Amino acid sequence: MKRFRFGWYGDGGLGEKMIQAIMAGRKTATACPAYDPEDSDLAIGDELELVDKHGNVRAQLVVTLVELRAFGSFNEDLAQREGVTLAELKEKMHFANGRHIREDEEMRVVHFRVVQSKIKI
């Protein structure tokens, strides 16, 4: 089973906030630049372990859709699936991997659902 990691040391609790939103069903998608090699091989039906920054498995997920779309095409529907407003999503994604994302830049969006939650360790 593939690992799907959220959070990093020094993230100010952001990773845990995202994990809680995923486990509550408020976050059902995540996006990154299409060139980013992490999770580039995900496909519909893949089962994932949702892992926190400490390496603890927090839930099991299944990928429901993987799509490529331009950053400029992000809309309220996608923002809601990301668990934020469109303005927050645009702000969060506007600067990635140390550079500004162009409106025409291709992004990979992974949609998922929780299959099983684990008790937090």
C-alpha atoms as a PDB file:
ATOM      1  CA  MET A   1       0.000   0.000   0.000  1.00  0.00           C
ATOM      2  CA  LYS A   2       1.328   3.455  -0.912  1.00  0.00           C
ATOM      3  CA  ARG A   3       1.883   6.114   1.720  1.00  0.00           C
ATOM      4  CA  PHE A   4       0.201   9.517   1.377  1.00  0.00           C
ATOM      5  CA  ARG A   5       2.004  11.893   3.732  1.00  0.00           C
ATOM      6  CA  PHE A   6       0.584  15.138   5.099  1.00  0.00           C
ATOM      7  CA  GLY A   7       2.655  17.447   7.284  1.00  0.00           C
ATOM      8  CA  TRP A   8       6.302  18.164   7.903  1.00  0.00           C
ATOM      9  CA  TYR A   9       8.365  19.291  10.864  1.00  0.00           C
ATOM     10  CA  GLY A  10       7.917  23.017  11.351  1.00  0.00           C
ATOM     11  CA  ASP A  11       4.542  23.148   9.547  1.00  0.00           C
ATOM     12  CA  GLY A  12       2.892  24.903  12.494  1.00  0.00           C
ATOM     13  CA  GLY A  13       0.188  22.238  12.739  1.00  0.00           C
ATOM     14  CA  LEU A  14      -0.928  22.531   9.109  1.00  0.00           C
ATOM     15  CA  GLY A  15      -0.383  18.828   8.392  1.00  0.00           C
ATOM     16  CA  GLU A  16      -2.486  17.792  11.377  1.00  0.00           C
ATOM     17  CA  LYS A  17      -5.206  20.253  10.377  1.00  0.00           C
ATOM     18  CA  MET A  18      -5.305  18.706   6.885  1.00  0.00           C
ATOM     19  CA  ILE A  19      -5.381  15.166   8.305  1.00  0.00           C
ATOM     20  CA  GLN A  20      -8.289  16.074  10.587  1.00  0.00           C
ATOM     21  CA  ALA A  21     -10.157  17.611   7.616  1.00  0.00           C
ATOM     22  CA  ILE A  22      -9.544  14.450   5.572  1.00  0.00           C
ATOM     23  CA  MET A  23     -10.711  12.156   8.358  1.00  0.00           C
ATOM     24  CA  ALA A  24     -13.847  14.306   8.861  1.00  0.00           C
ATOM     25  CA  GLY A  25     -14.609  14.206   5.116  1.00  0.00           C
ATOM     26  CA  ARG A  26     -14.111  17.958   4.617  1.00  0.00           C
ATOM     27  CA  LYS A  27     -10.981  17.487   2.453  1.00  0.00           C
ATOM     28  CA  THR A  28     -11.343  14.996  -0.395  1.00  0.00           C
ATOM     29  CA  ALA A  29      -8.734  16.279  -2.864  1.00  0.00           C
ATOM     30  CA  THR A  30      -5.229  17.658  -3.025  1.00  0.00           C
ATOM     31  CA  ALA A  31      -3.319  19.387  -5.818  1.00  0.00           C
ATOM     32  CA  CYS A  32       0.307  19.866  -6.812  1.00  0.00           C
ATOM     33  CA  PRO A  33       2.213  20.862  -9.943  1.00  0.00           C
ATOM     34  CA  ALA A  34       1.966  18.052 -12.521  1.00  0.00           C
ATOM     35  CA  TYR A  35       5.770  17.865 -12.807  1.00  0.00           C
ATOM     36  CA  ASP A  36       6.091  17.016  -9.084  1.00  0.00           C
ATOM     37  CA  PRO A  37       7.278  13.383  -8.966  1.00  0.00           C
ATOM     38  CA  GLU A  38       5.724  12.632  -5.567  1.00  0.00           C
ATOM     39  CA  ASP A  39       2.485  10.676  -6.060  1.00  0.00           C
ATOM     40  CA  SER A  40       2.815  10.973  -9.858  1.00  0.00           C
ATOM     41  CA  ASP A  41       2.002   7.285 -10.287  1.00  0.00           C
ATOM     42  CA  LEU A  42      -1.341   7.358  -8.452  1.00  0.00           C
ATOM     43  CA  ALA A  43      -4.355   5.947 -10.279  1.00  0.00           C
ATOM     44  CA  ILE A  44      -8.060   5.416  -9.617  1.00  0.00           C
ATOM     45  CA  GLY A  45      -8.550   2.574  -7.160  1.00  0.00           C
ATOM     46  CA  ASP A  46      -5.133   2.869  -5.513  1.00  0.00           C
ATOM     47  CA  GLU A  47      -5.268   2.325  -1.774  1.00  0.00           C
ATOM     48  CA  LEU A  48      -3.225   4.740   0.331  1.00  0.00           C
ATOM     49  CA  GLU A  49      -2.123   4.976   3.928  1.00  0.00           C
ATOM     50  CA  LEU A  50      -2.683   8.498   5.235  1.00  0.00           C
ATOM     51  CA  VAL A  51       0.494   9.171   7.217  1.00  0.00           C
ATOM     52  CA  ASP A  52       1.372  12.064   9.520  1.00  0.00           C
ATOM     53  CA  LYS A  53       4.772  13.733   9.827  1.00  0.00           C
ATOM     54  CA  HIS A  54       5.767  11.250  12.538  1.00  0.00           C
ATOM     55  CA  GLY A  55       5.123   8.285  10.230  1.00  0.00           C
ATOM     56  CA  ASN A  56       1.933   7.217  12.030  1.00  0.00           C
ATOM     57  CA  VAL A  57      -0.773   5.729   9.805  1.00  0.00           C
ATOM     58  CA  ARG A  58      -3.954   7.697  10.486  1.00  0.00           C
ATOM     59  CA  ALA A  59      -6.386   6.329   7.907  1.00  0.00           C
ATOM     60  CA  GLN A  60      -6.736   4.282   4.763  1.00  0.00           C
ATOM     61  CA  LEU A  61      -7.809   6.144   1.619  1.00  0.00           C
ATOM     62  CA  VAL A  62      -8.754   5.116  -1.890  1.00  0.00           C
ATOM     63  CA  VAL A  63      -8.108   7.278  -4.967  1.00  0.00           C
ATOM     64  CA  THR A  64     -11.358   8.099  -6.770  1.00  0.00           C
ATOM     65  CA  LEU A  65     -10.033  10.377  -9.536  1.00  0.00           C
ATOM     66  CA  VAL A  66      -6.731  11.767 -10.817  1.00  0.00           C
ATOM     67  CA  GLU A  67      -7.009  14.737 -13.143  1.00  0.00           C
ATOM     68  CA  LEU A  68      -4.700  17.198 -14.850  1.00  0.00           C
ATOM     69  CA  ARG A  69      -5.937  20.755 -15.146  1.00  0.00           C
ATOM     70  CA  ALA A  70      -4.546  24.252 -15.519  1.00  0.00           C
ATOM     71  CA  PHE A  71      -4.006  26.227 -12.332  1.00  0.00           C
ATOM     72  CA  GLY A  72      -6.229  28.970 -13.765  1.00  0.00           C
ATOM     73  CA  SER A  73      -9.147  26.520 -14.029  1.00  0.00           C
ATOM     74  CA  PHE A  74      -9.328  25.912 -10.276  1.00  0.00           C
ATOM     75  CA  ASN A  75     -12.859  26.747  -9.137  1.00  0.00           C
ATOM     76  CA  GLU A  76     -15.086  26.807  -6.038  1.00  0.00           C
ATOM     77  CA  ASP A  77     -15.970  23.110  -6.439  1.00  0.00           C
ATOM     78  CA  LEU A  78     -12.320  22.086  -6.307  1.00  0.00           C
ATOM     79  CA  ALA A  79     -11.632  24.505  -3.446  1.00  0.00           C
ATOM     80  CA  GLN A  80     -14.471  22.939  -1.454  1.00  0.00           C
ATOM     81  CA  ARG A  81     -12.977  19.482  -2.088  1.00  0.00           C
ATOM     82  CA  GLU A  82      -9.636  20.868  -0.846  1.00  0.00           C
ATOM     83  CA  GLY A  83     -11.432  22.048   2.298  1.00  0.00           C
ATOM     84  CA  VAL A  84     -10.833  25.778   1.699  1.00  0.00           C
ATOM     85  CA  THR A  85     -12.298  28.733  -0.195  1.00  0.00           C
ATOM     86  CA  LEU A  86     -11.186  29.434  -3.765  1.00  0.00           C
ATOM     87  CA  ALA A  87      -9.237  32.488  -2.578  1.00  0.00           C
ATOM     88  CA  GLU A  88      -7.435  30.360   0.038  1.00  0.00           C
ATOM     89  CA  LEU A  89      -6.703  27.635  -2.516  1.00  0.00           C
ATOM     90  CA  LYS A  90      -5.287  30.130  -5.016  1.00  0.00           C
ATOM     91  CA  GLU A  91      -3.165  31.740  -2.298  1.00  0.00           C
ATOM     92  CA  LYS A  92      -1.950  28.367  -1.006  1.00  0.00           C
ATOM     93  CA  MET A  93      -1.065  27.073  -4.476  1.00  0.00           C
ATOM     94  CA  HIS A  94       0.151  30.329  -6.048  1.00  0.00           C
ATOM     95  CA  PHE A  95       3.678  29.687  -4.834  1.00  0.00           C
ATOM     96  CA  ALA A  96       4.901  26.070  -4.933  1.00  0.00           C
ATOM     97  CA  ASN A  97       8.330  24.473  -4.897  1.00  0.00           C
ATOM     98  CA  GLY A  98      10.032  27.833  -4.498  1.00  0.00           C
ATOM     99  CA  ARG A  99       8.450  29.571  -7.483  1.00  0.00           C
ATOM    100  CA  HIS A 100       5.233  31.182  -8.674  1.00  0.00           C
ATOM    101  CA  ILE A 101       2.696  28.985 -10.462  1.00  0.00           C
ATOM    102  CA  ARG A 102       1.448  30.361 -13.797  1.00  0.00           C
ATOM    103  CA  GLU A 103      -2.279  30.379 -14.601  1.00  0.00           C
ATOM    104  CA  ASP A 104      -1.673  28.037 -17.580  1.00  0.00           C
ATOM    105  CA  GLU A 105       0.529  25.627 -15.607  1.00  0.00           C
ATOM    106  CA  GLU A 106      -0.673  22.029 -15.502  1.00  0.00           C
ATOM    107  CA  MET A 107      -1.564  20.744 -12.050  1.00  0.00           C
ATOM    108  CA  ARG A 108      -2.302  17.210 -10.852  1.00  0.00           C
ATOM    109  CA  VAL A 109      -5.398  16.887  -8.656  1.00  0.00           C
ATOM    110  CA  VAL A 110      -5.878  13.672  -6.688  1.00  0.00           C
ATOM    111  CA  HIS A 111      -9.376  12.980  -5.340  1.00  0.00           C
ATOM    112  CA  PHE A 112      -9.834  10.399  -2.599  1.00  0.00           C
ATOM    113  CA  ARG A 113     -12.175   9.098   0.082  1.00  0.00           C
ATOM    114  CA  VAL A 114     -11.573   7.650   3.534  1.00  0.00           C
ATOM    115  CA  VAL A 115     -12.038   3.861   3.675  1.00  0.00           C
ATOM    116  CA  GLN A 116     -11.007   3.344   7.296  1.00  0.00           C
ATOM    117  CA  SER A 117      -9.921   5.716  10.077  1.00  0.00           C
ATOM    118  CA  LYS A 118      -7.273   4.742  12.604  1.00  0.00           C
ATOM    119  CA  ILE A 119      -7.071   5.919  16.192  1.00  0.00           C
ATOM    120  CA  LYS A 120      -4.461   8.671  16.601  1.00  0.00           C
ATOM    121  CA  ILE A 121      -1.323   7.398  18.289  1.00  0.00           C
END
